Amino acid sequence: MSAADMNRLGIEAEVAFRFEHKVIPRERPYNEYEIEAAITALPAIETLDTRQVDFEAVPVLDKATDFLSNGSFVAGTQIREWRALDPEDIRIRVAVKREGDV
């Protein structure tokens, strides 16, 4: 992916959650422990882009319907012991390699 191909470039570092197995609809709500057992966490990077040529000029509703500016999503390796992590202590570092960088 080249930044030159993007109308609006942004990067978000995130902790993503993915369901590892189906959570089937049922009458009683799932509790916190049942949901935690069904998901795993992973580091992720989302690139922000838009299909709008002049993003600042389009109405807010058009911006919202533009996949909320999602360009792409890169998932890292799952963190098996994510429940032991304190969300307040998670630090994410993003480094961007630019053309000409070694």
PDB file of N, CA and C in Angstrom:
ATOM      1  N   MET A   1       0.855  -1.164   0.000  1.00  0.00           N
ATOM      2  CA  MET A   1       0.000   0.000   0.000  1.00  0.00           C
ATOM      3  C   MET A   1       0.904   1.231   0.000  1.00  0.00           C
ATOM      4  N   SER A   2       0.605   2.114  -0.894  1.00  0.00           N
ATOM      5  CA  SER A   2       1.392   3.329  -0.998  1.00  0.00           C
ATOM      6  C   SER A   2       0.582   4.517  -0.506  1.00  0.00           C
ATOM      7  N   ALA A   3       1.202   5.359   0.286  1.00  0.00           N
ATOM      8  CA  ALA A   3       0.530   6.567   0.776  1.00  0.00           C
ATOM      9  C   ALA A   3       0.137   7.472  -0.385  1.00  0.00           C
ATOM     10  N   ALA A   4       0.862   7.395  -1.479  1.00  0.00           N
ATOM     11  CA  ALA A   4       0.555   8.224  -2.643  1.00  0.00           C
ATOM     12  C   ALA A   4      -0.800   7.867  -3.262  1.00  0.00           C
ATOM     13  N   ASP A   5      -1.273   6.648  -3.001  1.00  0.00           N
ATOM     14  CA  ASP A   5      -2.553   6.200  -3.559  1.00  0.00           C
ATOM     15  C   ASP A   5      -3.738   6.569  -2.671  1.00  0.00           C
ATOM     16  N   MET A   6      -3.482   7.216  -1.558  1.00  0.00           N
ATOM     17  CA  MET A   6      -4.542   7.509  -0.610  1.00  0.00           C
ATOM     18  C   MET A   6      -4.909   8.992  -0.639  1.00  0.00           C
ATOM     19  N   ASN A   7      -6.211   9.280  -0.505  1.00  0.00           N
ATOM     20  CA  ASN A   7      -6.672  10.670  -0.477  1.00  0.00           C
ATOM     21  C   ASN A   7      -6.399  11.328   0.863  1.00  0.00           C
ATOM     22  N   ARG A   8      -6.511  10.577   1.919  1.00  0.00           N
ATOM     23  CA  ARG A   8      -6.362  11.116   3.275  1.00  0.00           C
ATOM     24  C   ARG A   8      -5.708  10.015   4.095  1.00  0.00           C
ATOM     25  N   LEU A   9      -4.514  10.230   4.519  1.00  0.00           N
ATOM     26  CA  LEU A   9      -3.775   9.175   5.206  1.00  0.00           C
ATOM     27  C   LEU A   9      -3.776   9.381   6.710  1.00  0.00           C
ATOM     28  N   GLY A  10      -4.163   8.353   7.419  1.00  0.00           N
ATOM     29  CA  GLY A  10      -4.093   8.351   8.872  1.00  0.00           C
ATOM     30  C   GLY A  10      -3.802   6.934   9.334  1.00  0.00           C
ATOM     31  N   ILE A  11      -3.284   6.805  10.530  1.00  0.00           N
ATOM     32  CA  ILE A  11      -2.980   5.487  11.080  1.00  0.00           C
ATOM     33  C   ILE A  11      -3.480   5.454  12.517  1.00  0.00           C
ATOM     34  N   GLU A  12      -4.171   4.383  12.867  1.00  0.00           N
ATOM     35  CA  GLU A  12      -4.606   4.174  14.247  1.00  0.00           C
ATOM     36  C   GLU A  12      -4.055   2.841  14.734  1.00  0.00           C
ATOM     37  N   ALA A  13      -3.390   2.857  15.858  1.00  0.00           N
ATOM     38  CA  ALA A  13      -2.957   1.623  16.511  1.00  0.00           C
ATOM     39  C   ALA A  13      -4.042   1.243  17.501  1.00  0.00           C
ATOM     40  N   GLU A  14      -4.426  -0.010  17.490  1.00  0.00           N
ATOM     41  CA  GLU A  14      -5.562  -0.445  18.299  1.00  0.00           C
ATOM     42  C   GLU A  14      -5.310  -1.800  18.939  1.00  0.00           C
ATOM     43  N   VAL A  15      -6.092  -2.085  19.947  1.00  0.00           N
ATOM     44  CA  VAL A  15      -6.225  -3.447  20.443  1.00  0.00           C
ATOM     45  C   VAL A  15      -7.576  -3.908  19.918  1.00  0.00           C
ATOM     46  N   ALA A  16      -7.568  -4.919  19.074  1.00  0.00           N
ATOM     47  CA  ALA A  16      -8.798  -5.424  18.462  1.00  0.00           C
ATOM     48  C   ALA A  16      -9.234  -6.699  19.185  1.00  0.00           C
ATOM     49  N   PHE A  17     -10.503  -6.984  19.091  1.00  0.00           N
ATOM     50  CA  PHE A  17     -11.044  -8.220  19.660  1.00  0.00           C
ATOM     51  C   PHE A  17     -11.727  -8.996  18.546  1.00  0.00           C
ATOM     52  N   ARG A  18     -11.530 -10.317  18.554  1.00  0.00           N
ATOM     53  CA  ARG A  18     -12.101 -11.177  17.520  1.00  0.00           C
ATOM     54  C   ARG A  18     -12.811 -12.353  18.195  1.00  0.00           C
ATOM     55  N   PHE A  19     -13.999 -12.646  17.716  1.00  0.00           N
ATOM     56  CA  PHE A  19     -14.707 -13.822  18.216  1.00  0.00           C
ATOM     57  C   PHE A  19     -14.025 -15.066  17.654  1.00  0.00           C
ATOM     58  N   GLU A  20     -13.699 -15.999  18.522  1.00  0.00           N
ATOM     59  CA  GLU A  20     -13.051 -17.236  18.109  1.00  0.00           C
ATOM     60  C   GLU A  20     -14.059 -18.355  17.856  1.00  0.00           C
ATOM     61  N   HIS A  21     -15.251 -18.198  18.373  1.00  0.00           N
ATOM     62  CA  HIS A  21     -16.319 -19.145  18.064  1.00  0.00           C
ATOM     63  C   HIS A  21     -17.658 -18.430  18.132  1.00  0.00           C
ATOM     64  N   LYS A  22     -18.666 -19.054  17.563  1.00  0.00           N
ATOM     65  CA  LYS A  22     -19.981 -18.424  17.466  1.00  0.00           C
ATOM     66  C   LYS A  22     -20.600 -18.192  18.840  1.00  0.00           C
ATOM     67  N   VAL A  23     -21.276 -17.085  18.959  1.00  0.00           N
ATOM     68  CA  VAL A  23     -22.085 -16.779  20.137  1.00  0.00           C
ATOM     69  C   VAL A  23     -23.524 -16.771  19.616  1.00  0.00           C
ATOM     70  N   ILE A  24     -24.215 -17.849  19.886  1.00  0.00           N
ATOM     71  CA  ILE A  24     -25.539 -18.061  19.323  1.00  0.00           C
ATOM     72  C   ILE A  24     -26.586 -17.266  20.106  1.00  0.00           C
ATOM     73  N   PRO A  25     -27.494 -16.595  19.406  1.00  0.00           N
ATOM     74  CA  PRO A  25     -28.552 -15.843  20.104  1.00  0.00           C
ATOM     75  C   PRO A  25     -29.345 -16.757  21.042  1.00  0.00           C
ATOM     76  N   ARG A  26     -29.694 -16.227  22.199  1.00  0.00           N
ATOM     77  CA  ARG A  26     -30.487 -16.977  23.164  1.00  0.00           C
ATOM     78  C   ARG A  26     -31.322 -16.012  23.981  1.00  0.00           C
ATOM     79  N   GLU A  27     -32.248 -16.551  24.734  1.00  0.00           N
ATOM     80  CA  GLU A  27     -33.170 -15.729  25.523  1.00  0.00           C
ATOM     81  C   GLU A  27     -32.450 -14.906  26.585  1.00  0.00           C
ATOM     82  N   ARG A  28     -31.612 -15.535  27.387  1.00  0.00           N
ATOM     83  CA  ARG A  28     -30.934 -14.784  28.449  1.00  0.00           C
ATOM     84  C   ARG A  28     -29.623 -14.211  27.923  1.00  0.00           C
ATOM     85  N   PRO A  29     -29.295 -13.013  28.346  1.00  0.00           N
ATOM     86  CA  PRO A  29     -28.058 -12.371  27.879  1.00  0.00           C
ATOM     87  C   PRO A  29     -26.808 -13.144  28.324  1.00  0.00           C
ATOM     88  N   TYR A  30     -25.781 -13.078  27.510  1.00  0.00           N
ATOM     89  CA  TYR A  30     -24.492 -13.660  27.888  1.00  0.00           C
ATOM     90  C   TYR A  30     -23.869 -12.774  28.958  1.00  0.00           C
ATOM     91  N   ASN A  31     -23.181 -13.403  29.899  1.00  0.00           N
ATOM     92  CA  ASN A  31     -22.504 -12.605  30.914  1.00  0.00           C
ATOM     93  C   ASN A  31     -21.074 -12.296  30.453  1.00  0.00           C
ATOM     94  N   GLU A  32     -20.416 -11.450  31.202  1.00  0.00           N
ATOM     95  CA  GLU A  32     -19.072 -10.992  30.863  1.00  0.00           C
ATOM     96  C   GLU A  32     -18.091 -12.153  30.677  1.00  0.00           C
ATOM     97  N   TYR A  33     -18.174 -13.165  31.524  1.00  0.00           N
ATOM     98  CA  TYR A  33     -17.226 -14.283  31.469  1.00  0.00           C
ATOM     99  C   TYR A  33     -17.455 -15.152  30.233  1.00  0.00           C
ATOM    100  N   GLU A  34     -18.704 -15.304  29.832  1.00  0.00           N
ATOM    101  CA  GLU A  34     -19.014 -16.082  28.632  1.00  0.00           C
ATOM    102  C   GLU A  34     -18.496 -15.374  27.381  1.00  0.00           C
ATOM    103  N   ILE A  35     -18.632 -14.063  27.341  1.00  0.00           N
ATOM    104  CA  ILE A  35     -18.122 -13.298  26.192  1.00  0.00           C
ATOM    105  C   ILE A  35     -16.602 -13.334  26.176  1.00  0.00           C
ATOM    106  N   GLU A  36     -15.983 -13.141  27.324  1.00  0.00           N
ATOM    107  CA  GLU A  36     -14.510 -13.197  27.389  1.00  0.00           C
ATOM    108  C   GLU A  36     -13.986 -14.537  26.908  1.00  0.00           C
ATOM    109  N   ALA A  37     -14.694 -15.609  27.210  1.00  0.00           N
ATOM    110  CA  ALA A  37     -14.269 -16.946  26.793  1.00  0.00           C
ATOM    111  C   ALA A  37     -14.375 -17.117  25.272  1.00  0.00           C
ATOM    112  N   ALA A  38     -15.200 -16.321  24.630  1.00  0.00           N
ATOM    113  CA  ALA A  38     -15.432 -16.453  23.193  1.00  0.00           C
ATOM    114  C   ALA A  38     -14.497 -15.596  22.352  1.00  0.00           C
ATOM    115  N   ILE A  39     -13.770 -14.658  22.969  1.00  0.00           N
ATOM    116  CA  ILE A  39     -12.966 -13.717  22.182  1.00  0.00           C
ATOM    117  C   ILE A  39     -11.483 -13.819  22.506  1.00  0.00           C
ATOM    118  N   THR A  40     -10.700 -13.280  21.612  1.00  0.00           N
ATOM    119  CA  THR A  40      -9.276 -13.120  21.836  1.00  0.00           C
ATOM    120  C   THR A  40      -8.905 -11.691  21.445  1.00  0.00           C
ATOM    121  N   ALA A  41      -7.782 -11.234  21.908  1.00  0.00           N
ATOM    122  CA  ALA A  41      -7.320  -9.877  21.608  1.00  0.00           C
ATOM    123  C   ALA A  41      -6.102  -9.956  20.693  1.00  0.00           C
ATOM    124  N   LEU A  42      -5.903  -8.892  19.930  1.00  0.00           N
ATOM    125  CA  LEU A  42      -4.733  -8.829  19.069  1.00  0.00           C
ATOM    126  C   LEU A  42      -4.394  -7.380  18.773  1.00  0.00           C
ATOM    127  N   PRO A  43      -3.107  -7.097  18.603  1.00  0.00           N
ATOM    128  CA  PRO A  43      -2.740  -5.745  18.195  1.00  0.00           C
ATOM    129  C   PRO A  43      -3.169  -5.551  16.746  1.00  0.00           C
ATOM    130  N   ALA A  44      -3.519  -4.324  16.404  1.00  0.00           N
ATOM    131  CA  ALA A  44      -3.975  -4.062  15.040  1.00  0.00           C
ATOM    132  C   ALA A  44      -3.605  -2.645  14.622  1.00  0.00           C
ATOM    133  N   ILE A  45      -3.528  -2.462  13.332  1.00  0.00           N
ATOM    134  CA  ILE A  45      -3.309  -1.138  12.758  1.00  0.00           C
ATOM    135  C   ILE A  45      -4.421  -0.920  11.731  1.00  0.00           C
ATOM    136  N   GLU A  46      -5.059   0.219  11.826  1.00  0.00           N
ATOM    137  CA  GLU A  46      -6.066   0.596  10.847  1.00  0.00           C
ATOM    138  C   GLU A  46      -5.556   1.816  10.101  1.00  0.00           C
ATOM    139  N   THR A  47      -5.604   1.741   8.788  1.00  0.00           N
ATOM    140  CA  THR A  47      -5.262   2.931   8.018  1.00  0.00           C
ATOM    141  C   THR A  47      -6.560   3.665   7.715  1.00  0.00           C
ATOM    142  N   LEU A  48      -6.488   4.963   7.764  1.00  0.00           N
ATOM    143  CA  LEU A  48      -7.646   5.804   7.501  1.00  0.00           C
ATOM    144  C   LEU A  48      -7.494   6.433   6.126  1.00  0.00           C
ATOM    145  N   ASP A  49      -8.527   6.317   5.350  1.00  0.00           N
ATOM    146  CA  ASP A  49      -8.539   6.897   4.022  1.00  0.00           C
ATOM    147  C   ASP A  49      -9.980   7.250   3.694  1.00  0.00           C
ATOM    148  N   THR A  50     -10.201   7.870   2.594  1.00  0.00           N
ATOM    149  CA  THR A  50     -11.549   8.222   2.169  1.00  0.00           C
ATOM    150  C   THR A  50     -11.660   8.093   0.661  1.00  0.00           C
ATOM    151  N   ARG A  51     -12.860   7.829   0.223  1.00  0.00           N
ATOM    152  CA  ARG A  51     -13.129   7.842  -1.212  1.00  0.00           C
ATOM    153  C   ARG A  51     -13.409   9.255  -1.683  1.00  0.00           C
ATOM    154  N   GLN A  52     -13.590  10.179  -0.746  1.00  0.00           N
ATOM    155  CA  GLN A  52     -13.903  11.573  -1.080  1.00  0.00           C
ATOM    156  C   GLN A  52     -12.625  12.302  -1.503  1.00  0.00           C
ATOM    157  N   VAL A  53     -12.685  12.988  -2.619  1.00  0.00           N
ATOM    158  CA  VAL A  53     -11.518  13.734  -3.103  1.00  0.00           C
ATOM    159  C   VAL A  53     -11.238  14.930  -2.197  1.00  0.00           C
ATOM    160  N   ASP A  54     -12.289  15.640  -1.788  1.00  0.00           N
ATOM    161  CA  ASP A  54     -12.142  16.791  -0.892  1.00  0.00           C
ATOM    162  C   ASP A  54     -12.924  16.489   0.389  1.00  0.00           C
ATOM    163  N   PHE A  55     -12.302  15.761   1.295  1.00  0.00           N
ATOM    164  CA  PHE A  55     -12.961  15.268   2.510  1.00  0.00           C
ATOM    165  C   PHE A  55     -13.565  16.397   3.337  1.00  0.00           C
ATOM    166  N   GLU A  56     -12.882  17.498   3.450  1.00  0.00           N
ATOM    167  CA  GLU A  56     -13.368  18.607   4.278  1.00  0.00           C
ATOM    168  C   GLU A  56     -14.627  19.245   3.699  1.00  0.00           C
ATOM    169  N   ALA A  57     -14.844  19.117   2.397  1.00  0.00           N
ATOM    170  CA  ALA A  57     -15.972  19.781   1.751  1.00  0.00           C
ATOM    171  C   ALA A  57     -17.264  18.956   1.772  1.00  0.00           C
ATOM    172  N   VAL A  58     -17.181  17.667   2.070  1.00  0.00           N
ATOM    173  CA  VAL A  58     -18.392  16.829   2.009  1.00  0.00           C
ATOM    174  C   VAL A  58     -19.195  16.923   3.305  1.00  0.00           C
ATOM    175  N   PRO A  59     -20.519  16.744   3.219  1.00  0.00           N
ATOM    176  CA  PRO A  59     -21.366  16.791   4.419  1.00  0.00           C
ATOM    177  C   PRO A  59     -21.021  15.667   5.407  1.00  0.00           C
ATOM    178  N   VAL A  60     -21.329  15.893   6.658  1.00  0.00           N
ATOM    179  CA  VAL A  60     -21.013  14.935   7.733  1.00  0.00           C
ATOM    180  C   VAL A  60     -21.596  13.558   7.442  1.00  0.00           C
ATOM    181  N   LEU A  61     -22.830  13.494   6.969  1.00  0.00           N
ATOM    182  CA  LEU A  61     -23.458  12.205   6.683  1.00  0.00           C
ATOM    183  C   LEU A  61     -22.689  11.433   5.616  1.00  0.00           C
ATOM    184  N   ASP A  62     -22.189  12.125   4.621  1.00  0.00           N
ATOM    185  CA  ASP A  62     -21.378  11.468   3.598  1.00  0.00           C
ATOM    186  C   ASP A  62     -20.087  10.915   4.188  1.00  0.00           C
ATOM    187  N   LYS A  63     -19.508  11.635   5.123  1.00  0.00           N
ATOM    188  CA  LYS A  63     -18.294  11.145   5.789  1.00  0.00           C
ATOM    189  C   LYS A  63     -18.600   9.869   6.566  1.00  0.00           C
ATOM    190  N   ALA A  64     -19.728   9.849   7.255  1.00  0.00           N
ATOM    191  CA  ALA A  64     -20.109   8.683   8.063  1.00  0.00           C
ATOM    192  C   ALA A  64     -20.381   7.461   7.195  1.00  0.00           C
ATOM    193  N   THR A  65     -20.882   7.671   5.989  1.00  0.00           N
ATOM    194  CA  THR A  65     -21.185   6.540   5.112  1.00  0.00           C
ATOM    195  C   THR A  65     -19.973   6.084   4.314  1.00  0.00           C
ATOM    196  N   ASP A  66     -18.855   6.729   4.509  1.00  0.00           N
ATOM    197  CA  ASP A  66     -17.611   6.404   3.805  1.00  0.00           C
ATOM    198  C   ASP A  66     -16.807   5.382   4.614  1.00  0.00           C
ATOM    199  N   PHE A  67     -17.480   4.340   5.109  1.00  0.00           N
ATOM    200  CA  PHE A  67     -16.851   3.321   5.951  1.00  0.00           C
ATOM    201  C   PHE A  67     -16.136   3.940   7.139  1.00  0.00           C
ATOM    202  N   LEU A  68     -16.633   5.069   7.598  1.00  0.00           N
ATOM    203  CA  LEU A  68     -16.016   5.810   8.698  1.00  0.00           C
ATOM    204  C   LEU A  68     -14.526   6.008   8.454  1.00  0.00           C
ATOM    205  N   SER A  69     -14.179   6.213   7.192  1.00  0.00           N
ATOM    206  CA  SER A  69     -12.812   6.495   6.740  1.00  0.00           C
ATOM    207  C   SER A  69     -11.851   5.322   6.906  1.00  0.00           C
ATOM    208  N   ASN A  70     -12.369   4.103   6.924  1.00  0.00           N
ATOM    209  CA  ASN A  70     -11.513   2.929   7.018  1.00  0.00           C
ATOM    210  C   ASN A  70     -10.872   2.661   5.676  1.00  0.00           C
ATOM    211  N   GLY A  71      -9.543   2.608   5.665  1.00  0.00           N
ATOM    212  CA  GLY A  71      -8.809   2.312   4.438  1.00  0.00           C
ATOM    213  C   GLY A  71      -8.413   0.855   4.373  1.00  0.00           C
ATOM    214  N   SER A  72      -7.845   0.351   5.461  1.00  0.00           N
ATOM    215  CA  SER A  72      -7.465  -1.060   5.544  1.00  0.00           C
ATOM    216  C   SER A  72      -7.266  -1.424   7.010  1.00  0.00           C
ATOM    217  N   PHE A  73      -7.134  -2.710   7.249  1.00  0.00           N
ATOM    218  CA  PHE A  73      -6.977  -3.221   8.610  1.00  0.00           C
ATOM    219  C   PHE A  73      -5.900  -4.292   8.582  1.00  0.00           C
ATOM    220  N   VAL A  74      -4.924  -4.166   9.460  1.00  0.00           N
ATOM    221  CA  VAL A  74      -3.844  -5.137   9.556  1.00  0.00           C
ATOM    222  C   VAL A  74      -3.895  -5.746  10.954  1.00  0.00           C
ATOM    223  N   ALA A  75      -4.142  -7.048  11.011  1.00  0.00           N
ATOM    224  CA  ALA A  75      -4.247  -7.746  12.302  1.00  0.00           C
ATOM    225  C   ALA A  75      -2.907  -8.371  12.665  1.00  0.00           C
ATOM    226  N   GLY A  76      -2.523  -8.192  13.917  1.00  0.00           N
ATOM    227  CA  GLY A  76      -1.299  -8.803  14.410  1.00  0.00           C
ATOM    228  C   GLY A  76      -1.569 -10.190  14.975  1.00  0.00           C
ATOM    229  N   THR A  77      -0.597 -10.722  15.662  1.00  0.00           N
ATOM    230  CA  THR A  77      -0.706 -12.048  16.269  1.00  0.00           C
ATOM    231  C   THR A  77      -1.550 -11.970  17.529  1.00  0.00           C
ATOM    232  N   GLN A  78      -2.447 -12.932  17.683  1.00  0.00           N
ATOM    233  CA  GLN A  78      -3.336 -12.899  18.852  1.00  0.00           C
ATOM    234  C   GLN A  78      -2.556 -12.979  20.157  1.00  0.00           C
ATOM    235  N   ILE A  79      -3.117 -12.343  21.168  1.00  0.00           N
ATOM    236  CA  ILE A  79      -2.531 -12.342  22.513  1.00  0.00           C
ATOM    237  C   ILE A  79      -3.352 -13.323  23.344  1.00  0.00           C
ATOM    238  N   ARG A  80      -2.809 -14.495  23.577  1.00  0.00           N
ATOM    239  CA  ARG A  80      -3.576 -15.550  24.255  1.00  0.00           C
ATOM    240  C   ARG A  80      -3.922 -15.186  25.700  1.00  0.00           C
ATOM    241  N   GLU A  81      -3.030 -14.523  26.379  1.00  0.00           N
ATOM    242  CA  GLU A  81      -3.256 -14.208  27.801  1.00  0.00           C
ATOM    243  C   GLU A  81      -3.686 -12.756  27.980  1.00  0.00           C
ATOM    244  N   TRP A  82      -4.531 -12.256  27.106  1.00  0.00           N
ATOM    245  CA  TRP A  82      -4.916 -10.855  27.136  1.00  0.00           C
ATOM    246  C   TRP A  82      -5.660 -10.476  28.405  1.00  0.00           C
ATOM    247  N   ARG A  83      -6.334 -11.426  29.030  1.00  0.00           N
ATOM    248  CA  ARG A  83      -7.111 -11.115  30.241  1.00  0.00           C
ATOM    249  C   ARG A  83      -6.211 -10.694  31.411  1.00  0.00           C
ATOM    250  N   ALA A  84      -4.953 -11.079  31.351  1.00  0.00           N
ATOM    251  CA  ALA A  84      -4.012 -10.737  32.418  1.00  0.00           C
ATOM    252  C   ALA A  84      -3.452  -9.321  32.247  1.00  0.00           C
ATOM    253  N   LEU A  85      -3.701  -8.703  31.116  1.00  0.00           N
ATOM    254  CA  LEU A  85      -3.186  -7.357  30.854  1.00  0.00           C
ATOM    255  C   LEU A  85      -4.121  -6.304  31.430  1.00  0.00           C
ATOM    256  N   ASP A  86      -3.530  -5.263  31.958  1.00  0.00           N
ATOM    257  CA  ASP A  86      -4.303  -4.119  32.429  1.00  0.00           C
ATOM    258  C   ASP A  86      -4.383  -3.125  31.275  1.00  0.00           C
ATOM    259  N   PRO A  87      -5.597  -2.837  30.779  1.00  0.00           N
ATOM    260  CA  PRO A  87      -5.711  -1.927  29.640  1.00  0.00           C
ATOM    261  C   PRO A  87      -5.021  -0.581  29.860  1.00  0.00           C
ATOM    262  N   GLU A  88      -4.938  -0.148  31.100  1.00  0.00           N
ATOM    263  CA  GLU A  88      -4.270   1.128  31.408  1.00  0.00           C
ATOM    264  C   GLU A  88      -2.770   1.061  31.148  1.00  0.00           C
ATOM    265  N   ASP A  89      -2.208  -0.158  31.142  1.00  0.00           N
ATOM    266  CA  ASP A  89      -0.767  -0.318  30.970  1.00  0.00           C
ATOM    267  C   ASP A  89      -0.344  -0.650  29.540  1.00  0.00           C
ATOM    268  N   ILE A  90      -1.295  -0.824  28.652  1.00  0.00           N
ATOM    269  CA  ILE A  90      -0.956  -1.190  27.280  1.00  0.00           C
ATOM    270  C   ILE A  90      -0.420   0.031  26.548  1.00  0.00           C
ATOM    271  N   ARG A  91       0.745  -0.126  25.968  1.00  0.00           N
ATOM    272  CA  ARG A  91       1.367   0.937  25.182  1.00  0.00           C
ATOM    273  C   ARG A  91       1.541   0.411  23.767  1.00  0.00           C
ATOM    274  N   ILE A  92       1.161   1.214  22.812  1.00  0.00           N
ATOM    275  CA  ILE A  92       1.287   0.825  21.415  1.00  0.00           C
ATOM    276  C   ILE A  92       2.180   1.840  20.731  1.00  0.00           C
ATOM    277  N   ARG A  93       3.155   1.347  19.992  1.00  0.00           N
ATOM    278  CA  ARG A  93       4.076   2.219  19.278  1.00  0.00           C
ATOM    279  C   ARG A  93       3.918   1.973  17.787  1.00  0.00           C
ATOM    280  N   VAL A  94       3.762   3.027  17.033  1.00  0.00           N
ATOM    281  CA  VAL A  94       3.628   2.934  15.590  1.00  0.00           C
ATOM    282  C   VAL A  94       4.827   3.633  14.965  1.00  0.00           C
ATOM    283  N   ALA A  95       5.509   2.930  14.090  1.00  0.00           N
ATOM    284  CA  ALA A  95       6.618   3.525  13.348  1.00  0.00           C
ATOM    285  C   ALA A  95       6.255   3.472  11.873  1.00  0.00           C
ATOM    286  N   VAL A  96       6.421   4.572  11.186  1.00  0.00           N
ATOM    287  CA  VAL A  96       6.070   4.669   9.775  1.00  0.00           C
ATOM    288  C   VAL A  96       7.347   4.785   8.971  1.00  0.00           C
ATOM    289  N   LYS A  97       7.510   3.877   8.028  1.00  0.00           N
ATOM    290  CA  LYS A  97       8.673   3.937   7.135  1.00  0.00           C
ATOM    291  C   LYS A  97       8.299   4.785   5.936  1.00  0.00           C
ATOM    292  N   ARG A  98       9.060   5.803   5.710  1.00  0.00           N
ATOM    293  CA  ARG A  98       8.805   6.692   4.571  1.00  0.00           C
ATOM    294  C   ARG A  98       9.749   6.364   3.432  1.00  0.00           C
ATOM    295  N   GLU A  99       9.337   6.739   2.255  1.00  0.00           N
ATOM    296  CA  GLU A  99      10.161   6.497   1.084  1.00  0.00           C
ATOM    297  C   GLU A  99      11.553   7.093   1.319  1.00  0.00           C
ATOM    298  N   GLY A 100      12.570   6.288   1.073  1.00  0.00           N
ATOM    299  CA  GLY A 100      13.935   6.744   1.271  1.00  0.00           C
ATOM    300  C   GLY A 100      14.512   6.324   2.612  1.00  0.00           C
ATOM    301  N   ASP A 101      13.633   5.934   3.573  1.00  0.00           N
ATOM    302  CA  ASP A 101      14.124   5.441   4.867  1.00  0.00           C
ATOM    303  C   ASP A 101      14.805   4.101   4.680  1.00  0.00           C
ATOM    304  N   VAL A 102      15.807   3.858   5.476  1.00  0.00           N
ATOM    305  CA  VAL A 102      16.500   2.568   5.420  1.00  0.00           C
ATOM    306  C   VAL A 102      15.988   1.670   6.516  1.00  0.00           C
TER     307      VAL A 102
END
